[in-house]
Amino acid sequence: MASHIKPPRMRVGRRIKKDQVFKVKVRFEHPSFTGLGQVDPETSPTFNRAIPVSFIRNMLVYYGDELVSRFNMTAAIADNPLFAFKLKAVKEAPVKVVFINNAGERWEVSKDIKFSA
């Protein structure tokens, strides 16, 4: 499945000053399937695990080498989610976001945070 999933994309503000709160947006084009589908309308139960389950299970946010946030998700997450969150610019270091799906596959994206004058 991972072969057709594009890597995540991240956007941060252009002018970040020390001790300023800045916004991070991460877009990840990953399908989300509960696995339930209508197998046969004549049988009971009508819905069953027709296709493999696929969803983003975890999103980890690192600022420098420090884990600053962890998001745990379920199969109810939307396809191709957009995440937005805020961080305080306490140091010049990369912000890295790691996605792990329910199959254990990993994707990551990173941006260097540099302070503007």
C-alpha atoms as a PDB file:
ATOM      1  CA  MET A   1       0.000   0.000   0.000  1.00  0.00           C
ATOM      2  CA  ALA A   2       2.816   2.427   0.853  1.00  0.00           C
ATOM      3  CA  SER A   3       4.042   2.544  -2.742  1.00  0.00           C
ATOM      4  CA  HIS A   4       1.247   4.896  -3.885  1.00  0.00           C
ATOM      5  CA  ILE A   5       1.082   7.118  -0.788  1.00  0.00           C
ATOM      6  CA  LYS A   6       2.781  10.481  -1.255  1.00  0.00           C
ATOM      7  CA  PRO A   7       5.078  11.804   1.479  1.00  0.00           C
ATOM      8  CA  PRO A   8       3.556  14.362   3.875  1.00  0.00           C
ATOM      9  CA  ARG A   9       4.011  18.111   3.301  1.00  0.00           C
ATOM     10  CA  MET A  10       4.646  20.744   5.963  1.00  0.00           C
ATOM     11  CA  ARG A  11       4.254  24.535   6.021  1.00  0.00           C
ATOM     12  CA  VAL A  12       5.500  26.934   8.680  1.00  0.00           C
ATOM     13  CA  GLY A  13       5.594  30.718   8.848  1.00  0.00           C
ATOM     14  CA  ARG A  14       8.380  32.546   7.040  1.00  0.00           C
ATOM     15  CA  ARG A  15       9.224  35.076   9.735  1.00  0.00           C
ATOM     16  CA  ILE A  16       9.649  33.367  13.066  1.00  0.00           C
ATOM     17  CA  LYS A  17      11.104  35.251  16.009  1.00  0.00           C
ATOM     18  CA  LYS A  18      12.532  33.798  19.189  1.00  0.00           C
ATOM     19  CA  ASP A  19       9.859  33.060  21.839  1.00  0.00           C
ATOM     20  CA  GLN A  20       7.094  33.660  19.269  1.00  0.00           C
ATOM     21  CA  VAL A  21       4.286  31.115  18.837  1.00  0.00           C
ATOM     22  CA  PHE A  22       4.176  29.879  15.255  1.00  0.00           C
ATOM     23  CA  LYS A  23       1.734  27.701  13.346  1.00  0.00           C
ATOM     24  CA  VAL A  24       2.618  24.408  11.675  1.00  0.00           C
ATOM     25  CA  LYS A  25       0.401  22.801   9.035  1.00  0.00           C
ATOM     26  CA  VAL A  26       0.932  19.244   7.858  1.00  0.00           C
ATOM     27  CA  ARG A  27      -0.983  17.635   5.000  1.00  0.00           C
ATOM     28  CA  PHE A  28      -0.778  13.885   4.469  1.00  0.00           C
ATOM     29  CA  GLU A  29      -2.466  12.179   1.530  1.00  0.00           C
ATOM     30  CA  HIS A  30      -3.192   8.833   3.152  1.00  0.00           C
ATOM     31  CA  PRO A  31      -6.427   6.888   2.612  1.00  0.00           C
ATOM     32  CA  SER A  32      -8.434   5.799   5.618  1.00  0.00           C
ATOM     33  CA  PHE A  33     -10.531   2.633   5.488  1.00  0.00           C
ATOM     34  CA  THR A  34     -12.425   1.039   8.355  1.00  0.00           C
ATOM     35  CA  GLY A  35     -12.367  -2.192   6.386  1.00  0.00           C
ATOM     36  CA  LEU A  36     -16.138  -2.554   6.576  1.00  0.00           C
ATOM     37  CA  GLY A  37     -18.016  -3.062   3.371  1.00  0.00           C
ATOM     38  CA  GLN A  38     -21.223  -4.599   2.137  1.00  0.00           C
ATOM     39  CA  VAL A  39     -20.363  -8.185   1.373  1.00  0.00           C
ATOM     40  CA  ASP A  40     -23.746  -9.597   0.408  1.00  0.00           C
ATOM     41  CA  PRO A  41     -27.102  -7.872   1.005  1.00  0.00           C
ATOM     42  CA  GLU A  42     -28.824 -11.280   1.297  1.00  0.00           C
ATOM     43  CA  THR A  43     -26.701 -12.571   4.192  1.00  0.00           C
ATOM     44  CA  SER A  44     -26.484 -11.536   7.813  1.00  0.00           C
ATOM     45  CA  PRO A  45     -24.497  -9.569   8.798  1.00  0.00           C
ATOM     46  CA  THR A  46     -24.639  -7.470   5.644  1.00  0.00           C
ATOM     47  CA  PHE A  47     -21.448  -5.553   6.464  1.00  0.00           C
ATOM     48  CA  ASN A  48     -18.206  -7.358   7.067  1.00  0.00           C
ATOM     49  CA  ARG A  49     -14.452  -6.822   6.815  1.00  0.00           C
ATOM     50  CA  ALA A  50     -14.440  -6.710   3.029  1.00  0.00           C
ATOM     51  CA  ILE A  51     -11.143  -4.843   2.560  1.00  0.00           C
ATOM     52  CA  PRO A  52      -8.031  -4.471   4.712  1.00  0.00           C
ATOM     53  CA  VAL A  53      -8.118  -1.794   7.418  1.00  0.00           C
ATOM     54  CA  SER A  54      -5.863   1.186   6.682  1.00  0.00           C
ATOM     55  CA  PHE A  55      -5.501   4.393   8.703  1.00  0.00           C
ATOM     56  CA  ILE A  56      -2.969   6.678  10.371  1.00  0.00           C
ATOM     57  CA  ARG A  57      -2.486   5.383  13.910  1.00  0.00           C
ATOM     58  CA  ASN A  58       0.084   7.854  15.308  1.00  0.00           C
ATOM     59  CA  MET A  59       1.488  11.276  14.572  1.00  0.00           C
ATOM     60  CA  LEU A  60       4.617  12.245  16.510  1.00  0.00           C
ATOM     61  CA  VAL A  61       5.911  15.823  16.602  1.00  0.00           C
ATOM     62  CA  TYR A  62       9.568  16.516  17.418  1.00  0.00           C
ATOM     63  CA  TYR A  63      11.148  19.933  17.966  1.00  0.00           C
ATOM     64  CA  GLY A  64      14.862  19.357  17.765  1.00  0.00           C
ATOM     65  CA  ASP A  65      15.449  15.981  19.428  1.00  0.00           C
ATOM     66  CA  GLU A  66      12.551  16.396  21.861  1.00  0.00           C
ATOM     67  CA  LEU A  67       9.159  14.725  21.408  1.00  0.00           C
ATOM     68  CA  VAL A  68       6.718  17.591  22.030  1.00  0.00           C
ATOM     69  CA  SER A  69       3.413  15.990  21.047  1.00  0.00           C
ATOM     70  CA  ARG A  70       1.863  12.626  20.219  1.00  0.00           C
ATOM     71  CA  PHE A  71      -1.477  12.188  18.477  1.00  0.00           C
ATOM     72  CA  ASN A  72      -3.199   8.780  18.636  1.00  0.00           C
ATOM     73  CA  MET A  73      -5.910   8.203  16.041  1.00  0.00           C
ATOM     74  CA  THR A  74      -8.505   5.629  15.037  1.00  0.00           C
ATOM     75  CA  ALA A  75      -9.973   4.415  11.745  1.00  0.00           C
ATOM     76  CA  ALA A  76     -12.505   7.262  12.002  1.00  0.00           C
ATOM     77  CA  ILE A  77      -9.891   9.780  10.763  1.00  0.00           C
ATOM     78  CA  ALA A  78     -10.686  11.365   7.396  1.00  0.00           C
ATOM     79  CA  ASP A  79      -8.877  10.605   4.164  1.00  0.00           C
ATOM     80  CA  ASN A  80      -5.977  12.962   3.401  1.00  0.00           C
ATOM     81  CA  PRO A  81      -6.065  14.848   6.722  1.00  0.00           C
ATOM     82  CA  LEU A  82      -4.707  18.341   7.340  1.00  0.00           C
ATOM     83  CA  PHE A  83      -3.252  18.892  10.807  1.00  0.00           C
ATOM     84  CA  ALA A  84      -2.557  22.344  12.258  1.00  0.00           C
ATOM     85  CA  PHE A  85      -0.912  23.047  15.594  1.00  0.00           C
ATOM     86  CA  LYS A  86       1.178  25.731  17.275  1.00  0.00           C
ATOM     87  CA  LEU A  87       4.664  25.644  18.789  1.00  0.00           C
ATOM     88  CA  LYS A  88       6.714  28.204  20.671  1.00  0.00           C
ATOM     89  CA  ALA A  89       9.998  29.111  18.961  1.00  0.00           C
ATOM     90  CA  VAL A  90      12.456  28.494  21.776  1.00  0.00           C
ATOM     91  CA  LYS A  91      15.400  27.339  19.634  1.00  0.00           C
ATOM     92  CA  GLU A  92      16.609  27.096  16.063  1.00  0.00           C
ATOM     93  CA  ALA A  93      16.063  23.430  15.317  1.00  0.00           C
ATOM     94  CA  PRO A  94      14.097  21.267  12.910  1.00  0.00           C
ATOM     95  CA  VAL A  95      10.440  20.460  13.458  1.00  0.00           C
ATOM     96  CA  LYS A  96       9.834  16.867  12.404  1.00  0.00           C
ATOM     97  CA  VAL A  97       6.482  15.115  12.073  1.00  0.00           C
ATOM     98  CA  VAL A  98       6.384  11.314  11.859  1.00  0.00           C
ATOM     99  CA  PHE A  99       3.283   9.393  10.753  1.00  0.00           C
ATOM    100  CA  ILE A 100       2.820   5.695  11.497  1.00  0.00           C
ATOM    101  CA  ASN A 101      -0.111   3.780  10.046  1.00  0.00           C
ATOM    102  CA  ASN A 102      -1.792   0.682  11.464  1.00  0.00           C
ATOM    103  CA  ALA A 103       0.524  -1.575   9.415  1.00  0.00           C
ATOM    104  CA  GLY A 104       3.607   0.014  11.006  1.00  0.00           C
ATOM    105  CA  GLU A 105       4.672   1.911   7.872  1.00  0.00           C
ATOM    106  CA  ARG A 106       6.367   5.277   8.570  1.00  0.00           C
ATOM    107  CA  TRP A 107       6.536   8.608   6.746  1.00  0.00           C
ATOM    108  CA  GLU A 108       8.149  11.808   7.955  1.00  0.00           C
ATOM    109  CA  VAL A 109       8.572  15.418   7.012  1.00  0.00           C
ATOM    110  CA  SER A 110      10.875  18.030   8.517  1.00  0.00           C
ATOM    111  CA  LYS A 111      11.481  21.789   8.309  1.00  0.00           C
ATOM    112  CA  ASP A 112      14.324  23.776   9.833  1.00  0.00           C
ATOM    113  CA  ILE A 113      13.240  26.635  12.065  1.00  0.00           C
ATOM    114  CA  LYS A 114      15.472  29.701  11.661  1.00  0.00           C
ATOM    115  CA  PHE A 115      14.829  32.960  13.462  1.00  0.00           C
ATOM    116  CA  SER A 116      14.316  36.080  11.353  1.00  0.00           C
ATOM    117  CA  ALA A 117      16.024  39.329  12.201  1.00  0.00           C
END
